[in-house]
Amino acid sequence: MQAKKVLGLIPARGGSKGIPKKNLYPIMGKPLLQYSFEAVKKSRFITDVMMSTEDSDIMNFANIWGVDTRYKRPDELATDSATTIDVVLHALDWLEEIGELPDLLILLQPTSPLRTEYEIDGAIEQFLESGCDSLVSVHKMLEHPYKCMQVKDDGWEFLAKPASYVSRRQDYKNDYFAINGALYVVTPSFLREKRNFVVEGLTELYEISSIKGTDVDELADIFQVEAYLKMASQQ
């Protein structure tokens, strides 16, 4: 696939339950959003960057970085109950109305500050080489499903069960991965048809390390990100 117009879409609403104004919360002296701005600006593939937000403070900060803020997310899509799919589809409809529908869209959630231009470009490169219409970033599960339980009203059961008992992790036969939300790459037509970024049997998996896929949801995650950045700066 030859993608001429590759849009980096950064969704960032103003409200947040866990951390107030999370998307502008300072991490090592930089607002959380800035890490995504820095990464996307260094990408070799992304041709355009656009915000999806309803918040004026976020818009003003994005303008400083030269990020397109012409699109304003409707308030009804800036609630806790609004889905990411609906948010992105609405933005695509707006882009189509103004004649700027991209060939390829990469969703970059600002809550993944350790995802850099290297992960972004690696994902797009794999997408283009594979000929797929959908790709998602994953990392190897830290807790193996053989040791994870699902609790039910009448008890619990293991998420996955080996054919025979195993006690050592190195004897586990399968690799298990988790979607981390750092990267979603998709064609507009795929997203509109499937109304999902990830479809079993169709979506390509792009593996990154678990630390690169860190999702900032609470203060403990910020402490982890800062610890990693401090360590990385000393190497």
C-alpha atoms as a PDB file:
ATOM      1  CA  MET A   1       0.000   0.000   0.000  1.00  0.00           C
ATOM      2  CA  GLN A   2       1.207   3.497  -0.863  1.00  0.00           C
ATOM      3  CA  ALA A   3      -0.083   5.940   1.747  1.00  0.00           C
ATOM      4  CA  LYS A   4       0.242   9.539   0.569  1.00  0.00           C
ATOM      5  CA  LYS A   5      -1.652  11.167   3.415  1.00  0.00           C
ATOM      6  CA  VAL A   6      -0.981   9.716   6.874  1.00  0.00           C
ATOM      7  CA  LEU A   7      -2.854  11.441   9.677  1.00  0.00           C
ATOM      8  CA  GLY A   8      -1.767  11.291  13.286  1.00  0.00           C
ATOM      9  CA  LEU A   9      -4.914  11.837  15.361  1.00  0.00           C
ATOM     10  CA  ILE A  10      -4.394  12.720  19.019  1.00  0.00           C
ATOM     11  CA  PRO A  11      -7.548  12.450  21.166  1.00  0.00           C
ATOM     12  CA  ALA A  12      -7.370  14.446  24.391  1.00  0.00           C
ATOM     13  CA  ARG A  13     -10.442  15.559  26.275  1.00  0.00           C
ATOM     14  CA  GLY A  14     -10.263  18.062  29.099  1.00  0.00           C
ATOM     15  CA  GLY A  15     -11.899  15.990  31.812  1.00  0.00           C
ATOM     16  CA  SER A  16     -10.335  13.082  33.679  1.00  0.00           C
ATOM     17  CA  LYS A  17     -11.490  11.109  36.694  1.00  0.00           C
ATOM     18  CA  GLY A  18      -8.179   9.868  38.048  1.00  0.00           C
ATOM     19  CA  ILE A  19      -5.908  12.876  37.457  1.00  0.00           C
ATOM     20  CA  PRO A  20      -7.501  16.318  36.921  1.00  0.00           C
ATOM     21  CA  LYS A  21      -6.425  17.855  33.588  1.00  0.00           C
ATOM     22  CA  LYS A  22      -4.389  14.703  33.019  1.00  0.00           C
ATOM     23  CA  ASN A  23      -3.422  15.491  29.439  1.00  0.00           C
ATOM     24  CA  LEU A  24      -1.658  18.663  30.589  1.00  0.00           C
ATOM     25  CA  TYR A  25      -0.243  17.174  33.791  1.00  0.00           C
ATOM     26  CA  PRO A  26       3.524  17.818  34.051  1.00  0.00           C
ATOM     27  CA  ILE A  27       5.885  14.855  33.758  1.00  0.00           C
ATOM     28  CA  MET A  28       9.565  15.757  34.150  1.00  0.00           C
ATOM     29  CA  GLY A  29       8.644  19.383  33.461  1.00  0.00           C
ATOM     30  CA  LYS A  30       6.611  18.678  30.302  1.00  0.00           C
ATOM     31  CA  PRO A  31       2.834  18.395  29.913  1.00  0.00           C
ATOM     32  CA  LEU A  32       1.804  14.805  29.177  1.00  0.00           C
ATOM     33  CA  LEU A  33       0.601  15.824  25.701  1.00  0.00           C
ATOM     34  CA  GLN A  34       4.010  17.161  24.749  1.00  0.00           C
ATOM     35  CA  TYR A  35       5.536  13.692  24.622  1.00  0.00           C
ATOM     36  CA  SER A  36       3.128  12.694  21.846  1.00  0.00           C
ATOM     37  CA  PHE A  37       3.677  15.988  20.018  1.00  0.00           C
ATOM     38  CA  GLU A  38       7.448  15.502  20.077  1.00  0.00           C
ATOM     39  CA  ALA A  39       7.176  11.928  18.827  1.00  0.00           C
ATOM     40  CA  VAL A  40       4.725  12.614  16.022  1.00  0.00           C
ATOM     41  CA  LYS A  41       6.707  15.605  14.758  1.00  0.00           C
ATOM     42  CA  LYS A  42       9.759  13.360  14.323  1.00  0.00           C
ATOM     43  CA  SER A  43       7.913  10.638  12.404  1.00  0.00           C
ATOM     44  CA  ARG A  44       9.132   9.913   8.868  1.00  0.00           C
ATOM     45  CA  PHE A  45       5.677   8.842   7.707  1.00  0.00           C
ATOM     46  CA  ILE A  46       3.083  11.106   9.311  1.00  0.00           C
ATOM     47  CA  THR A  47       2.119  13.973   7.021  1.00  0.00           C
ATOM     48  CA  ASP A  48      -0.540  15.671   9.168  1.00  0.00           C
ATOM     49  CA  VAL A  49      -1.307  15.903  12.890  1.00  0.00           C
ATOM     50  CA  MET A  50      -4.740  16.774  14.257  1.00  0.00           C
ATOM     51  CA  MET A  51      -6.258  17.133  17.711  1.00  0.00           C
ATOM     52  CA  SER A  52      -9.620  15.834  18.822  1.00  0.00           C
ATOM     53  CA  THR A  53     -10.561  17.849  21.893  1.00  0.00           C
ATOM     54  CA  GLU A  54     -13.271  20.059  23.307  1.00  0.00           C
ATOM     55  CA  ASP A  55     -10.916  21.794  25.751  1.00  0.00           C
ATOM     56  CA  SER A  56      -9.628  25.315  25.042  1.00  0.00           C
ATOM     57  CA  ASP A  57      -6.471  24.895  27.157  1.00  0.00           C
ATOM     58  CA  ILE A  58      -5.520  21.772  25.217  1.00  0.00           C
ATOM     59  CA  MET A  59      -6.255  23.545  21.931  1.00  0.00           C
ATOM     60  CA  ASN A  60      -4.044  26.475  22.921  1.00  0.00           C
ATOM     61  CA  PHE A  61      -1.186  24.150  23.854  1.00  0.00           C
ATOM     62  CA  ALA A  62      -1.582  22.221  20.597  1.00  0.00           C
ATOM     63  CA  ASN A  63      -1.464  25.465  18.628  1.00  0.00           C
ATOM     64  CA  ILE A  64       1.924  26.251  20.169  1.00  0.00           C
ATOM     65  CA  TRP A  65       3.175  22.970  18.684  1.00  0.00           C
ATOM     66  CA  GLY A  66       1.656  23.634  15.287  1.00  0.00           C
ATOM     67  CA  VAL A  67      -0.918  20.861  15.637  1.00  0.00           C
ATOM     68  CA  ASP A  68      -4.139  21.261  13.637  1.00  0.00           C
ATOM     69  CA  THR A  69      -6.994  22.313  15.954  1.00  0.00           C
ATOM     70  CA  ARG A  70      -9.610  23.273  13.361  1.00  0.00           C
ATOM     71  CA  TYR A  71     -11.733  20.302  14.376  1.00  0.00           C
ATOM     72  CA  LYS A  72     -13.566  20.677  17.689  1.00  0.00           C
ATOM     73  CA  ARG A  73     -14.910  17.571  19.354  1.00  0.00           C
ATOM     74  CA  PRO A  74     -18.612  17.855  20.288  1.00  0.00           C
ATOM     75  CA  ASP A  75     -19.289  17.953  24.026  1.00  0.00           C
ATOM     76  CA  GLU A  76     -21.347  14.759  23.832  1.00  0.00           C
ATOM     77  CA  LEU A  77     -18.218  12.940  22.629  1.00  0.00           C
ATOM     78  CA  ALA A  78     -16.114  14.316  25.489  1.00  0.00           C
ATOM     79  CA  THR A  79     -17.847  12.392  28.277  1.00  0.00           C
ATOM     80  CA  ASP A  80     -16.762   9.321  30.236  1.00  0.00           C
ATOM     81  CA  SER A  81     -19.277   7.231  28.308  1.00  0.00           C
ATOM     82  CA  ALA A  82     -18.131   8.303  24.823  1.00  0.00           C
ATOM     83  CA  THR A  83     -16.239   5.568  22.965  1.00  0.00           C
ATOM     84  CA  THR A  84     -12.957   6.063  21.142  1.00  0.00           C
ATOM     85  CA  ILE A  85     -14.506   4.545  18.013  1.00  0.00           C
ATOM     86  CA  ASP A  86     -17.278   7.149  17.934  1.00  0.00           C
ATOM     87  CA  VAL A  87     -14.756   9.926  18.578  1.00  0.00           C
ATOM     88  CA  VAL A  88     -12.552   8.860  15.655  1.00  0.00           C
ATOM     89  CA  LEU A  89     -15.446   8.180  13.267  1.00  0.00           C
ATOM     90  CA  HIS A  90     -16.843  11.660  13.942  1.00  0.00           C
ATOM     91  CA  ALA A  91     -13.442  13.194  13.166  1.00  0.00           C
ATOM     92  CA  LEU A  92     -13.233  11.175   9.931  1.00  0.00           C
ATOM     93  CA  ASP A  93     -16.686  12.390   8.872  1.00  0.00           C
ATOM     94  CA  TRP A  94     -15.550  15.981   9.447  1.00  0.00           C
ATOM     95  CA  LEU A  95     -12.378  15.412   7.429  1.00  0.00           C
ATOM     96  CA  GLU A  96     -14.374  13.930   4.571  1.00  0.00           C
ATOM     97  CA  GLU A  97     -16.714  16.935   4.571  1.00  0.00           C
ATOM     98  CA  ILE A  98     -13.787  19.297   4.041  1.00  0.00           C
ATOM     99  CA  GLY A  99     -12.127  17.017   1.472  1.00  0.00           C
ATOM    100  CA  GLU A 100      -9.182  15.967   3.647  1.00  0.00           C
ATOM    101  CA  LEU A 101      -9.872  12.291   4.374  1.00  0.00           C
ATOM    102  CA  PRO A 102      -6.497  10.569   4.940  1.00  0.00           C
ATOM    103  CA  ASP A 103      -5.292   7.377   3.283  1.00  0.00           C
ATOM    104  CA  LEU A 104      -4.175   6.117   6.654  1.00  0.00           C
ATOM    105  CA  LEU A 105      -4.931   7.084  10.249  1.00  0.00           C
ATOM    106  CA  ILE A 106      -2.769   6.427  13.273  1.00  0.00           C
ATOM    107  CA  LEU A 107      -4.405   6.997  16.647  1.00  0.00           C
ATOM    108  CA  LEU A 108      -1.927   8.271  19.227  1.00  0.00           C
ATOM    109  CA  GLN A 109      -3.387   8.453  22.703  1.00  0.00           C
ATOM    110  CA  PRO A 110      -1.425  10.952  24.827  1.00  0.00           C
ATOM    111  CA  THR A 111      -1.578   8.597  27.807  1.00  0.00           C
ATOM    112  CA  SER A 112       1.306   6.636  26.221  1.00  0.00           C
ATOM    113  CA  PRO A 113       4.178   9.110  26.737  1.00  0.00           C
ATOM    114  CA  LEU A 114       6.969   6.541  26.330  1.00  0.00           C
ATOM    115  CA  ARG A 115       5.901   5.628  22.800  1.00  0.00           C
ATOM    116  CA  THR A 116       8.392   7.446  20.550  1.00  0.00           C
ATOM    117  CA  GLU A 117       8.806   8.130  16.847  1.00  0.00           C
ATOM    118  CA  TYR A 118      10.645   4.807  16.566  1.00  0.00           C
ATOM    119  CA  GLU A 119       7.564   2.841  17.636  1.00  0.00           C
ATOM    120  CA  ILE A 120       5.336   5.043  15.457  1.00  0.00           C
ATOM    121  CA  ASP A 121       7.426   4.577  12.322  1.00  0.00           C
ATOM    122  CA  GLY A 122       7.999   0.897  13.023  1.00  0.00           C
ATOM    123  CA  ALA A 123       4.252   0.345  13.250  1.00  0.00           C
ATOM    124  CA  ILE A 124       3.512   2.233  10.035  1.00  0.00           C
ATOM    125  CA  GLU A 125       6.340   0.431   8.239  1.00  0.00           C
ATOM    126  CA  GLN A 126       4.977  -2.968   9.289  1.00  0.00           C
ATOM    127  CA  PHE A 127       1.468  -1.867   8.290  1.00  0.00           C
ATOM    128  CA  LEU A 128       2.569  -0.869   4.798  1.00  0.00           C
ATOM    129  CA  GLU A 129       4.714  -3.970   4.254  1.00  0.00           C
ATOM    130  CA  SER A 130       2.044  -6.401   5.457  1.00  0.00           C
ATOM    131  CA  GLY A 131      -0.738  -5.074   3.238  1.00  0.00           C
ATOM    132  CA  CYS A 132      -3.173  -5.143   6.153  1.00  0.00           C
ATOM    133  CA  ASP A 133      -5.906  -2.587   6.879  1.00  0.00           C
ATOM    134  CA  SER A 134      -5.541  -2.569  10.652  1.00  0.00           C
ATOM    135  CA  LEU A 135      -2.648  -2.801  13.115  1.00  0.00           C
ATOM    136  CA  VAL A 136      -2.469  -2.534  16.906  1.00  0.00           C
ATOM    137  CA  SER A 137       0.449  -2.328  19.327  1.00  0.00           C
ATOM    138  CA  VAL A 138       0.776  -5.126  21.874  1.00  0.00           C
ATOM    139  CA  HIS A 139       3.249  -6.313  24.485  1.00  0.00           C
ATOM    140  CA  LYS A 140       3.898  -9.718  25.999  1.00  0.00           C
ATOM    141  CA  MET A 141       1.682 -10.244  29.019  1.00  0.00           C
ATOM    142  CA  LEU A 142       3.509  -9.822  32.308  1.00  0.00           C
ATOM    143  CA  GLU A 143       1.111 -12.214  34.035  1.00  0.00           C
ATOM    144  CA  HIS A 144       0.743 -15.442  32.065  1.00  0.00           C
ATOM    145  CA  PRO A 145      -2.900 -16.516  31.561  1.00  0.00           C
ATOM    146  CA  TYR A 146      -2.057 -19.893  33.154  1.00  0.00           C
ATOM    147  CA  LYS A 147      -1.673 -17.931  36.398  1.00  0.00           C
ATOM    148  CA  CYS A 148      -4.604 -15.543  35.886  1.00  0.00           C
ATOM    149  CA  MET A 149      -8.091 -16.218  37.195  1.00  0.00           C
ATOM    150  CA  GLN A 150     -11.543 -15.053  36.225  1.00  0.00           C
ATOM    151  CA  VAL A 151     -13.760 -14.631  39.290  1.00  0.00           C
ATOM    152  CA  LYS A 152     -17.417 -15.544  38.874  1.00  0.00           C
ATOM    153  CA  ASP A 153     -20.430 -15.574  41.185  1.00  0.00           C
ATOM    154  CA  ASP A 154     -19.989 -19.296  41.802  1.00  0.00           C
ATOM    155  CA  GLY A 155     -16.198 -19.317  42.111  1.00  0.00           C
ATOM    156  CA  TRP A 156     -13.255 -18.807  39.766  1.00  0.00           C
ATOM    157  CA  GLU A 157     -11.425 -20.421  36.853  1.00  0.00           C
ATOM    158  CA  PHE A 158      -8.076 -19.993  35.081  1.00  0.00           C
ATOM    159  CA  LEU A 159      -8.084 -17.840  31.937  1.00  0.00           C
ATOM    160  CA  ALA A 160      -6.120 -20.500  30.073  1.00  0.00           C
ATOM    161  CA  LYS A 161      -5.418 -24.116  30.928  1.00  0.00           C
ATOM    162  CA  PRO A 162      -2.399 -26.105  29.687  1.00  0.00           C
ATOM    163  CA  ALA A 163      -2.870 -29.656  28.452  1.00  0.00           C
ATOM    164  CA  SER A 164      -0.618 -30.835  31.289  1.00  0.00           C
ATOM    165  CA  TYR A 165       0.554 -29.253  34.530  1.00  0.00           C
ATOM    166  CA  VAL A 166       3.510 -26.854  34.262  1.00  0.00           C
ATOM    167  CA  SER A 167       5.295 -25.187  37.149  1.00  0.00           C
ATOM    168  CA  ARG A 168       8.102 -23.287  35.394  1.00  0.00           C
ATOM    169  CA  ARG A 169       7.408 -20.214  33.277  1.00  0.00           C
ATOM    170  CA  GLN A 170       9.980 -21.290  30.681  1.00  0.00           C
ATOM    171  CA  ASP A 171       7.881 -24.392  30.025  1.00  0.00           C
ATOM    172  CA  TYR A 172       4.870 -22.375  28.880  1.00  0.00           C
ATOM    173  CA  LYS A 173       4.341 -23.195  25.207  1.00  0.00           C
ATOM    174  CA  ASN A 174       2.382 -20.169  23.985  1.00  0.00           C
ATOM    175  CA  ASP A 175       3.075 -16.458  23.841  1.00  0.00           C
ATOM    176  CA  TYR A 176       0.281 -14.245  25.104  1.00  0.00           C
ATOM    177  CA  PHE A 177      -0.002 -10.562  24.308  1.00  0.00           C
ATOM    178  CA  ALA A 178      -2.060  -7.642  25.579  1.00  0.00           C
ATOM    179  CA  ILE A 179      -3.248  -4.586  23.661  1.00  0.00           C
ATOM    180  CA  ASN A 180      -1.618  -1.561  25.291  1.00  0.00           C
ATOM    181  CA  GLY A 181      -3.325   1.285  23.422  1.00  0.00           C
ATOM    182  CA  ALA A 182      -0.104   3.061  22.451  1.00  0.00           C
ATOM    183  CA  LEU A 183      -0.718   2.736  18.693  1.00  0.00           C
ATOM    184  CA  TYR A 184      -3.615   1.973  16.393  1.00  0.00           C
ATOM    185  CA  VAL A 185      -3.071   2.164  12.620  1.00  0.00           C
ATOM    186  CA  VAL A 186      -6.072   1.782  10.336  1.00  0.00           C
ATOM    187  CA  THR A 187      -7.563   2.747   6.992  1.00  0.00           C
ATOM    188  CA  PRO A 188     -10.719   4.885   7.233  1.00  0.00           C
ATOM    189  CA  SER A 189     -12.670   2.328   5.187  1.00  0.00           C
ATOM    190  CA  PHE A 190     -11.768  -0.513   7.575  1.00  0.00           C
ATOM    191  CA  LEU A 191     -12.770   1.499  10.645  1.00  0.00           C
ATOM    192  CA  ARG A 192     -16.051   2.572   9.102  1.00  0.00           C
ATOM    193  CA  GLU A 193     -16.937  -0.930   7.971  1.00  0.00           C
ATOM    194  CA  LYS A 194     -15.905  -2.818  11.122  1.00  0.00           C
ATOM    195  CA  ARG A 195     -16.515  -0.040  13.673  1.00  0.00           C
ATOM    196  CA  ASN A 196     -13.476  -1.361  15.478  1.00  0.00           C
ATOM    197  CA  PHE A 197      -9.708  -1.008  15.339  1.00  0.00           C
ATOM    198  CA  VAL A 198      -9.075  -4.650  16.163  1.00  0.00           C
ATOM    199  CA  VAL A 199     -10.714  -7.587  14.388  1.00  0.00           C
ATOM    200  CA  GLU A 200      -9.563 -11.141  15.024  1.00  0.00           C
ATOM    201  CA  GLY A 201      -7.889 -12.647  11.979  1.00  0.00           C
ATOM    202  CA  LEU A 202      -7.583  -9.299  10.192  1.00  0.00           C
ATOM    203  CA  THR A 203      -5.602  -7.011  12.480  1.00  0.00           C
ATOM    204  CA  GLU A 204      -1.800  -7.105  12.405  1.00  0.00           C
ATOM    205  CA  LEU A 205      -0.006  -7.153  15.781  1.00  0.00           C
ATOM    206  CA  TYR A 206       2.960  -4.845  16.380  1.00  0.00           C
ATOM    207  CA  GLU A 207       4.995  -5.839  19.422  1.00  0.00           C
ATOM    208  CA  ILE A 208       6.601  -3.214  21.651  1.00  0.00           C
ATOM    209  CA  SER A 209       8.034  -3.524  25.156  1.00  0.00           C
ATOM    210  CA  SER A 210       5.665  -3.306  28.105  1.00  0.00           C
ATOM    211  CA  ILE A 211       7.391  -0.154  29.375  1.00  0.00           C
ATOM    212  CA  LYS A 212       6.959   1.579  26.003  1.00  0.00           C
ATOM    213  CA  GLY A 213       3.286   0.677  26.176  1.00  0.00           C
ATOM    214  CA  THR A 214       2.796   2.175  29.641  1.00  0.00           C
ATOM    215  CA  ASP A 215      -0.654   3.742  29.904  1.00  0.00           C
ATOM    216  CA  VAL A 216      -0.943   6.703  32.280  1.00  0.00           C
ATOM    217  CA  ASP A 217      -4.167   6.304  34.201  1.00  0.00           C
ATOM    218  CA  GLU A 218      -3.236   7.237  37.767  1.00  0.00           C
ATOM    219  CA  LEU A 219      -0.427   8.920  39.705  1.00  0.00           C
ATOM    220  CA  ALA A 220       1.417   5.630  40.192  1.00  0.00           C
ATOM    221  CA  ASP A 221       1.797   5.389  36.410  1.00  0.00           C
ATOM    222  CA  ILE A 222       3.300   8.881  36.305  1.00  0.00           C
ATOM    223  CA  PHE A 223       5.858   7.890  38.947  1.00  0.00           C
ATOM    224  CA  GLN A 224       6.778   4.856  36.818  1.00  0.00           C
ATOM    225  CA  VAL A 225       7.167   6.987  33.688  1.00  0.00           C
ATOM    226  CA  GLU A 226       9.329   9.531  35.511  1.00  0.00           C
ATOM    227  CA  ALA A 227      11.525   6.787  36.964  1.00  0.00           C
ATOM    228  CA  TYR A 228      12.065   5.330  33.487  1.00  0.00           C
ATOM    229  CA  LEU A 229      12.832   8.734  31.955  1.00  0.00           C
ATOM    230  CA  LYS A 230      15.337   9.538  34.708  1.00  0.00           C
ATOM    231  CA  MET A 231      17.062   6.192  34.221  1.00  0.00           C
ATOM    232  CA  ALA A 232      17.101   6.600  30.425  1.00  0.00           C
ATOM    233  CA  SER A 233      18.612  10.093  30.690  1.00  0.00           C
ATOM    234  CA  GLN A 234      21.552   8.732  32.686  1.00  0.00           C
ATOM    235  CA  GLN A 235      22.507   6.113  30.111  1.00  0.00           C
END
